[in-house]
């Protein structure tokens, strides 16, 4: 992993009475490693080697930093829902910590690049990120039957695997063609709870009209 030549710490962290010296160094190290890609992908083992302490100690420090809101963990899941990897981000805008007079300095920009990226992308959920292949709003707007609690429905959507969300979008496109009148479509919660995106779509039978040129009239002659 690439390291820069320095790791700046804002005064709110440097002068904090609630953080240990090792925790301050850990913040600086993570911020330093974030500069390359905006996130720190280092393992606890690697962080421990850098700071000359055990993995369990690093784990305890990370837990403490997460509790006070300085650290965020970003979790990436595989398509089947299994854990893929984690990355760390530092957020130095902590309300209960004393903040220096707000200035825009190079040190601040280098110390906290991820906060701007996360705010821009709006992808942090309780400091733990679930990276979705398809957003809930994409399906919600496509299904176009807005009944039920959107918050609960979004939670159900987020728990689906990538493959299930892909199947839901594909199925919904065919479903709305087969059932264009949305009042007769299943309610969204029923659709997601029953995983109806795996159901067979039964298309309505077209009315077979007899072409007018085929109609014959029998005339009975008296």
C-alpha atoms as a PDB file:
ATOM      1  CA  UNK A   1       0.000   0.000   0.000  1.00  0.00           C
ATOM      2  CA  UNK A   2       1.170   3.491  -0.795  1.00  0.00           C
ATOM      3  CA  UNK A   3       1.816   5.975   2.000  1.00  0.00           C
ATOM      4  CA  UNK A   4       2.181   9.721   1.732  1.00  0.00           C
ATOM      5  CA  UNK A   5       4.955  11.545   3.514  1.00  0.00           C
ATOM      6  CA  UNK A   6       2.637  13.046   6.116  1.00  0.00           C
ATOM      7  CA  UNK A   7      -0.713  12.421   7.835  1.00  0.00           C
ATOM      8  CA  UNK A   8      -2.264  15.680   9.096  1.00  0.00           C
ATOM      9  CA  UNK A   9      -4.548  15.689  12.129  1.00  0.00           C
ATOM     10  CA  UNK A  10      -7.030  18.497  12.822  1.00  0.00           C
ATOM     11  CA  UNK A  11      -6.850  20.163  16.226  1.00  0.00           C
ATOM     12  CA  UNK A  12     -10.146  18.556  17.303  1.00  0.00           C
ATOM     13  CA  UNK A  13      -8.464  15.139  17.154  1.00  0.00           C
ATOM     14  CA  UNK A  14      -4.969  16.154  18.206  1.00  0.00           C
ATOM     15  CA  UNK A  15      -6.200  17.916  21.380  1.00  0.00           C
ATOM     16  CA  UNK A  16      -8.970  15.436  22.201  1.00  0.00           C
ATOM     17  CA  UNK A  17      -9.031  14.225  25.823  1.00  0.00           C
ATOM     18  CA  UNK A  18     -11.196  11.219  25.021  1.00  0.00           C
ATOM     19  CA  UNK A  19      -8.914   9.622  22.429  1.00  0.00           C
ATOM     20  CA  UNK A  20      -5.707   7.798  23.276  1.00  0.00           C
ATOM     21  CA  UNK A  21      -2.452   8.570  21.520  1.00  0.00           C
ATOM     22  CA  UNK A  22      -2.647   5.236  19.717  1.00  0.00           C
ATOM     23  CA  UNK A  23      -6.163   6.004  18.499  1.00  0.00           C
ATOM     24  CA  UNK A  24      -5.003   9.380  17.187  1.00  0.00           C
ATOM     25  CA  UNK A  25      -2.177   7.666  15.313  1.00  0.00           C
ATOM     26  CA  UNK A  26      -4.650   5.128  13.946  1.00  0.00           C
ATOM     27  CA  UNK A  27      -6.861   7.958  12.643  1.00  0.00           C
ATOM     28  CA  UNK A  28      -3.830   9.544  10.978  1.00  0.00           C
ATOM     29  CA  UNK A  29      -2.789   6.224   9.434  1.00  0.00           C
ATOM     30  CA  UNK A  30      -6.245   5.492   8.017  1.00  0.00           C
ATOM     31  CA  UNK A  31      -6.544   9.054   6.681  1.00  0.00           C
ATOM     32  CA  UNK A  32      -3.134   8.635   5.064  1.00  0.00           C
ATOM     33  CA  UNK A  33      -4.139   5.367   3.360  1.00  0.00           C
ATOM     34  CA  UNK A  34      -7.424   6.914   2.194  1.00  0.00           C
ATOM     35  CA  UNK A  35      -5.677   9.517   0.062  1.00  0.00           C
ATOM     36  CA  UNK A  36      -5.064   7.132  -2.830  1.00  0.00           C
ATOM     37  CA  UNK A  37      -8.652   5.949  -3.477  1.00  0.00           C
ATOM     38  CA  UNK A  38     -10.774   7.775  -0.919  1.00  0.00           C
ATOM     39  CA  UNK A  39     -11.100   4.673   1.263  1.00  0.00           C
ATOM     40  CA  UNK A  40      -8.755   2.611   3.429  1.00  0.00           C
ATOM     41  CA  UNK A  41      -8.774  -1.072   2.477  1.00  0.00           C
ATOM     42  CA  UNK A  42      -6.044  -2.144   4.940  1.00  0.00           C
ATOM     43  CA  UNK A  43      -6.692  -5.159   7.154  1.00  0.00           C
ATOM     44  CA  UNK A  44      -6.487  -5.067  10.943  1.00  0.00           C
ATOM     45  CA  UNK A  45      -3.284  -7.091  10.679  1.00  0.00           C
ATOM     46  CA  UNK A  46      -1.651  -4.515   8.418  1.00  0.00           C
ATOM     47  CA  UNK A  47      -2.758  -1.606  10.609  1.00  0.00           C
ATOM     48  CA  UNK A  48      -1.363  -3.423  13.638  1.00  0.00           C
ATOM     49  CA  UNK A  49       1.978  -3.963  11.928  1.00  0.00           C
ATOM     50  CA  UNK A  50       2.188  -0.261  11.101  1.00  0.00           C
ATOM     51  CA  UNK A  51       1.453   0.799  14.672  1.00  0.00           C
ATOM     52  CA  UNK A  52       3.282  -2.097  16.363  1.00  0.00           C
ATOM     53  CA  UNK A  53       0.237  -3.562  18.114  1.00  0.00           C
ATOM     54  CA  UNK A  54      -1.950  -6.660  17.866  1.00  0.00           C
ATOM     55  CA  UNK A  55      -4.966  -7.208  15.636  1.00  0.00           C
ATOM     56  CA  UNK A  56      -7.225  -7.402  18.699  1.00  0.00           C
ATOM     57  CA  UNK A  57      -5.960  -4.020  19.886  1.00  0.00           C
ATOM     58  CA  UNK A  58      -6.665  -2.511  16.472  1.00  0.00           C
ATOM     59  CA  UNK A  59     -10.132  -4.063  16.567  1.00  0.00           C
ATOM     60  CA  UNK A  60     -10.847  -2.439  19.940  1.00  0.00           C
ATOM     61  CA  UNK A  61      -9.583   0.946  18.735  1.00  0.00           C
ATOM     62  CA  UNK A  62     -11.717   0.759  15.583  1.00  0.00           C
ATOM     63  CA  UNK A  63     -14.780  -0.070  17.664  1.00  0.00           C
ATOM     64  CA  UNK A  64     -14.141   2.940  19.897  1.00  0.00           C
ATOM     65  CA  UNK A  65     -13.668   5.281  16.929  1.00  0.00           C
ATOM     66  CA  UNK A  66     -16.861   3.983  15.365  1.00  0.00           C
ATOM     67  CA  UNK A  67     -18.792   4.542  18.609  1.00  0.00           C
ATOM     68  CA  UNK A  68     -17.782   8.220  18.748  1.00  0.00           C
ATOM     69  CA  UNK A  69     -18.628   8.653  15.072  1.00  0.00           C
ATOM     70  CA  UNK A  70     -15.126   9.256  13.714  1.00  0.00           C
ATOM     71  CA  UNK A  71     -14.863   5.961  11.855  1.00  0.00           C
ATOM     72  CA  UNK A  72     -17.180   4.483   9.267  1.00  0.00           C
ATOM     73  CA  UNK A  73     -17.064   0.913   7.989  1.00  0.00           C
ATOM     74  CA  UNK A  74     -18.079   0.253   4.399  1.00  0.00           C
ATOM     75  CA  UNK A  75     -19.218  -3.291   3.714  1.00  0.00           C
ATOM     76  CA  UNK A  76     -19.250  -4.774   0.183  1.00  0.00           C
ATOM     77  CA  UNK A  77     -21.298  -7.923  -0.331  1.00  0.00           C
ATOM     78  CA  UNK A  78     -20.964 -10.532  -3.035  1.00  0.00           C
ATOM     79  CA  UNK A  79     -23.963 -11.181  -5.355  1.00  0.00           C
ATOM     80  CA  UNK A  80     -24.966 -14.150  -3.162  1.00  0.00           C
ATOM     81  CA  UNK A  81     -25.021 -11.970  -0.048  1.00  0.00           C
ATOM     82  CA  UNK A  82     -21.729 -13.202   1.440  1.00  0.00           C
ATOM     83  CA  UNK A  83     -19.140 -10.775   2.775  1.00  0.00           C
ATOM     84  CA  UNK A  84     -16.668  -9.580   0.136  1.00  0.00           C
ATOM     85  CA  UNK A  85     -14.500  -6.874   1.725  1.00  0.00           C
ATOM     86  CA  UNK A  86     -14.594  -3.932   4.082  1.00  0.00           C
ATOM     87  CA  UNK A  87     -13.081  -0.493   3.831  1.00  0.00           C
ATOM     88  CA  UNK A  88     -12.702   2.298   6.354  1.00  0.00           C
ATOM     89  CA  UNK A  89     -13.423   6.009   6.141  1.00  0.00           C
ATOM     90  CA  UNK A  90     -12.690   8.810   8.564  1.00  0.00           C
ATOM     91  CA  UNK A  91     -15.247  11.495   9.376  1.00  0.00           C
ATOM     92  CA  UNK A  92     -13.732  14.325  11.393  1.00  0.00           C
ATOM     93  CA  UNK A  93     -16.892  16.447  11.573  1.00  0.00           C
ATOM     94  CA  UNK A  94     -17.930  15.255  15.057  1.00  0.00           C
ATOM     95  CA  UNK A  95     -20.405  17.614  16.762  1.00  0.00           C
ATOM     96  CA  UNK A  96     -19.415  16.871  20.385  1.00  0.00           C
ATOM     97  CA  UNK A  97     -15.699  17.406  19.772  1.00  0.00           C
ATOM     98  CA  UNK A  98     -14.253  20.923  19.947  1.00  0.00           C
ATOM     99  CA  UNK A  99     -13.880  22.283  16.419  1.00  0.00           C
ATOM    100  CA  UNK A 100     -11.290  24.846  15.355  1.00  0.00           C
ATOM    101  CA  UNK A 101     -12.321  27.871  13.347  1.00  0.00           C
ATOM    102  CA  UNK A 102     -13.487  26.603   9.981  1.00  0.00           C
ATOM    103  CA  UNK A 103     -10.856  27.071   7.307  1.00  0.00           C
ATOM    104  CA  UNK A 104     -10.200  25.375   4.010  1.00  0.00           C
ATOM    105  CA  UNK A 105      -6.617  24.204   4.144  1.00  0.00           C
ATOM    106  CA  UNK A 106      -4.648  21.626   2.217  1.00  0.00           C
ATOM    107  CA  UNK A 107      -4.258  19.597   5.406  1.00  0.00           C
ATOM    108  CA  UNK A 108      -8.042  19.371   5.866  1.00  0.00           C
ATOM    109  CA  UNK A 109      -8.567  18.358   2.255  1.00  0.00           C
ATOM    110  CA  UNK A 110      -5.985  15.587   2.550  1.00  0.00           C
ATOM    111  CA  UNK A 111      -7.153  14.468   5.973  1.00  0.00           C
ATOM    112  CA  UNK A 112     -10.761  13.920   5.042  1.00  0.00           C
ATOM    113  CA  UNK A 113     -11.358  13.317   1.338  1.00  0.00           C
ATOM    114  CA  UNK A 114     -13.960  10.618   1.888  1.00  0.00           C
ATOM    115  CA  UNK A 115     -16.485  12.760   3.743  1.00  0.00           C
ATOM    116  CA  UNK A 116     -17.072  14.825   0.614  1.00  0.00           C
ATOM    117  CA  UNK A 117     -17.338  11.760  -1.588  1.00  0.00           C
ATOM    118  CA  UNK A 118     -19.782  10.001   0.712  1.00  0.00           C
ATOM    119  CA  UNK A 119     -21.959  13.096   1.081  1.00  0.00           C
ATOM    120  CA  UNK A 120     -21.954  13.532  -2.696  1.00  0.00           C
ATOM    121  CA  UNK A 121     -22.936   9.944  -3.427  1.00  0.00           C
ATOM    122  CA  UNK A 122     -25.333   9.702  -0.470  1.00  0.00           C
ATOM    123  CA  UNK A 123     -24.466   6.049   0.122  1.00  0.00           C
ATOM    124  CA  UNK A 124     -23.769   5.830   3.860  1.00  0.00           C
ATOM    125  CA  UNK A 125     -26.348   3.941   5.898  1.00  0.00           C
ATOM    126  CA  UNK A 126     -25.680   4.165   9.658  1.00  0.00           C
ATOM    127  CA  UNK A 127     -21.967   4.417   8.881  1.00  0.00           C
ATOM    128  CA  UNK A 128     -22.183   0.992   7.179  1.00  0.00           C
ATOM    129  CA  UNK A 129     -22.556   1.004   3.424  1.00  0.00           C
ATOM    130  CA  UNK A 130     -24.503  -1.507   1.417  1.00  0.00           C
ATOM    131  CA  UNK A 131     -23.438  -1.115  -2.184  1.00  0.00           C
ATOM    132  CA  UNK A 132     -26.440  -1.960  -4.361  1.00  0.00           C
ATOM    133  CA  UNK A 133     -26.311  -2.861  -8.023  1.00  0.00           C
ATOM    134  CA  UNK A 134     -29.803  -1.370  -8.529  1.00  0.00           C
ATOM    135  CA  UNK A 135     -31.314   1.287  -6.292  1.00  0.00           C
ATOM    136  CA  UNK A 136     -34.740   0.899  -4.722  1.00  0.00           C
ATOM    137  CA  UNK A 137     -36.048   4.052  -6.426  1.00  0.00           C
ATOM    138  CA  UNK A 138     -35.262   2.544  -9.828  1.00  0.00           C
ATOM    139  CA  UNK A 139     -37.630  -0.348  -9.144  1.00  0.00           C
ATOM    140  CA  UNK A 140     -40.144   1.802  -7.215  1.00  0.00           C
ATOM    141  CA  UNK A 141     -40.607   4.185 -10.141  1.00  0.00           C
ATOM    142  CA  UNK A 142     -40.735   1.321 -12.645  1.00  0.00           C
ATOM    143  CA  UNK A 143     -43.380  -0.643 -10.718  1.00  0.00           C
ATOM    144  CA  UNK A 144     -45.429   2.551 -10.382  1.00  0.00           C
ATOM    145  CA  UNK A 145     -47.890   1.388  -7.750  1.00  0.00           C
ATOM    146  CA  UNK A 146     -46.954   3.555  -4.820  1.00  0.00           C
ATOM    147  CA  UNK A 147     -48.835   1.994  -1.905  1.00  0.00           C
ATOM    148  CA  UNK A 148     -47.448   0.825   1.426  1.00  0.00           C
ATOM    149  CA  UNK A 149     -44.552   2.090   3.517  1.00  0.00           C
ATOM    150  CA  UNK A 150     -41.740   3.154   1.220  1.00  0.00           C
ATOM    151  CA  UNK A 151     -39.220   2.925   4.079  1.00  0.00           C
ATOM    152  CA  UNK A 152     -40.112  -0.693   4.852  1.00  0.00           C
ATOM    153  CA  UNK A 153     -40.196  -1.601   1.179  1.00  0.00           C
ATOM    154  CA  UNK A 154     -36.761  -0.086   0.635  1.00  0.00           C
ATOM    155  CA  UNK A 155     -35.419  -2.106   3.566  1.00  0.00           C
ATOM    156  CA  UNK A 156     -36.773  -5.300   1.964  1.00  0.00           C
ATOM    157  CA  UNK A 157     -35.277  -4.308  -1.390  1.00  0.00           C
ATOM    158  CA  UNK A 158     -31.854  -3.706   0.184  1.00  0.00           C
ATOM    159  CA  UNK A 159     -31.890  -7.212   1.693  1.00  0.00           C
ATOM    160  CA  UNK A 160     -32.254  -8.842  -1.728  1.00  0.00           C
ATOM    161  CA  UNK A 161     -29.157 -10.153  -3.487  1.00  0.00           C
ATOM    162  CA  UNK A 162     -27.826  -8.488  -6.627  1.00  0.00           C
ATOM    163  CA  UNK A 163     -29.216 -11.358  -8.707  1.00  0.00           C
ATOM    164  CA  UNK A 164     -32.656 -11.013  -7.140  1.00  0.00           C
ATOM    165  CA  UNK A 165     -32.757  -7.268  -7.784  1.00  0.00           C
ATOM    166  CA  UNK A 166     -31.725  -7.844 -11.403  1.00  0.00           C
ATOM    167  CA  UNK A 167     -34.450 -10.484 -11.773  1.00  0.00           C
ATOM    168  CA  UNK A 168     -37.012  -8.151 -10.168  1.00  0.00           C
ATOM    169  CA  UNK A 169     -36.293  -5.397 -12.686  1.00  0.00           C
ATOM    170  CA  UNK A 170     -36.483  -7.826 -15.615  1.00  0.00           C
ATOM    171  CA  UNK A 171     -39.697  -9.391 -14.341  1.00  0.00           C
ATOM    172  CA  UNK A 172     -41.321  -6.032 -13.537  1.00  0.00           C
ATOM    173  CA  UNK A 173     -40.772  -4.760 -17.087  1.00  0.00           C
ATOM    174  CA  UNK A 174     -42.631  -7.790 -18.454  1.00  0.00           C
ATOM    175  CA  UNK A 175     -45.242  -7.666 -15.685  1.00  0.00           C
ATOM    176  CA  UNK A 176     -46.343  -4.097 -16.378  1.00  0.00           C
ATOM    177  CA  UNK A 177     -46.703  -4.925 -20.069  1.00  0.00           C
ATOM    178  CA  UNK A 178     -48.896  -7.909 -19.236  1.00  0.00           C
ATOM    179  CA  UNK A 179     -50.818  -5.874 -16.644  1.00  0.00           C
ATOM    180  CA  UNK A 180     -50.758  -2.237 -17.772  1.00  0.00           C
ATOM    181  CA  UNK A 181     -53.534  -1.227 -15.364  1.00  0.00           C
ATOM    182  CA  UNK A 182     -51.582  -0.780 -12.129  1.00  0.00           C
ATOM    183  CA  UNK A 183     -54.652  -1.094  -9.901  1.00  0.00           C
ATOM    184  CA  UNK A 184     -54.702  -4.811 -10.727  1.00  0.00           C
ATOM    185  CA  UNK A 185     -50.994  -5.350 -10.047  1.00  0.00           C
ATOM    186  CA  UNK A 186     -49.916  -6.895  -6.773  1.00  0.00           C
ATOM    187  CA  UNK A 187     -49.132  -4.447  -4.012  1.00  0.00           C
ATOM    188  CA  UNK A 188     -45.374  -3.789  -3.795  1.00  0.00           C
ATOM    189  CA  UNK A 189     -45.017  -5.429  -0.361  1.00  0.00           C
ATOM    190  CA  UNK A 190     -46.744  -8.583  -1.613  1.00  0.00           C
ATOM    191  CA  UNK A 191     -44.546  -8.596  -4.712  1.00  0.00           C
ATOM    192  CA  UNK A 192     -41.326  -8.379  -2.676  1.00  0.00           C
ATOM    193  CA  UNK A 193     -42.381 -10.550   0.290  1.00  0.00           C
ATOM    194  CA  UNK A 194     -43.479 -13.424  -1.964  1.00  0.00           C
ATOM    195  CA  UNK A 195     -40.572 -12.886  -4.376  1.00  0.00           C
ATOM    196  CA  UNK A 196     -43.122 -12.705  -7.142  1.00  0.00           C
ATOM    197  CA  UNK A 197     -40.363 -11.730  -9.549  1.00  0.00           C
ATOM    198  CA  UNK A 198     -39.829 -15.475  -9.996  1.00  0.00           C
ATOM    199  CA  UNK A 199     -43.488 -16.093 -10.938  1.00  0.00           C
ATOM    200  CA  UNK A 200     -44.545 -16.949 -14.435  1.00  0.00           C
ATOM    201  CA  UNK A 201     -46.158 -14.050 -16.259  1.00  0.00           C
ATOM    202  CA  UNK A 202     -49.453 -15.073 -17.780  1.00  0.00           C
ATOM    203  CA  UNK A 203     -50.239 -12.774 -20.647  1.00  0.00           C
ATOM    204  CA  UNK A 204     -53.920 -12.029 -21.305  1.00  0.00           C
ATOM    205  CA  UNK A 205     -55.383 -13.802 -24.287  1.00  0.00           C
ATOM    206  CA  UNK A 206     -56.111 -11.551 -27.200  1.00  0.00           C
ATOM    207  CA  UNK A 207     -59.658 -11.446 -28.440  1.00  0.00           C
ATOM    208  CA  UNK A 208     -59.777 -13.355 -31.680  1.00  0.00           C
ATOM    209  CA  UNK A 209     -61.836 -11.300 -34.067  1.00  0.00           C
ATOM    210  CA  UNK A 210     -63.020 -12.696 -37.351  1.00  0.00           C
ATOM    211  CA  UNK A 211     -61.899 -10.439 -40.189  1.00  0.00           C
ATOM    212  CA  UNK A 212     -64.852  -8.718 -41.785  1.00  0.00           C
ATOM    213  CA  UNK A 213     -63.881  -9.962 -45.212  1.00  0.00           C
ATOM    214  CA  UNK A 214     -64.368 -13.507 -43.933  1.00  0.00           C
ATOM    215  CA  UNK A 215     -67.888 -12.959 -42.708  1.00  0.00           C
ATOM    216  CA  UNK A 216     -70.422 -14.563 -44.988  1.00  0.00           C
ATOM    217  CA  UNK A 217     -74.084 -13.819 -45.004  1.00  0.00           C
ATOM    218  CA  UNK A 218     -76.495 -16.493 -45.927  1.00  0.00           C
ATOM    219  CA  UNK A 219     -79.514 -15.237 -47.741  1.00  0.00           C
ATOM    220  CA  UNK A 220     -82.428 -17.470 -47.820  1.00  0.00           C
ATOM    221  CA  UNK A 221     -84.406 -17.050 -50.930  1.00  0.00           C
ATOM    222  CA  UNK A 222     -88.063 -17.381 -50.553  1.00  0.00           C
END
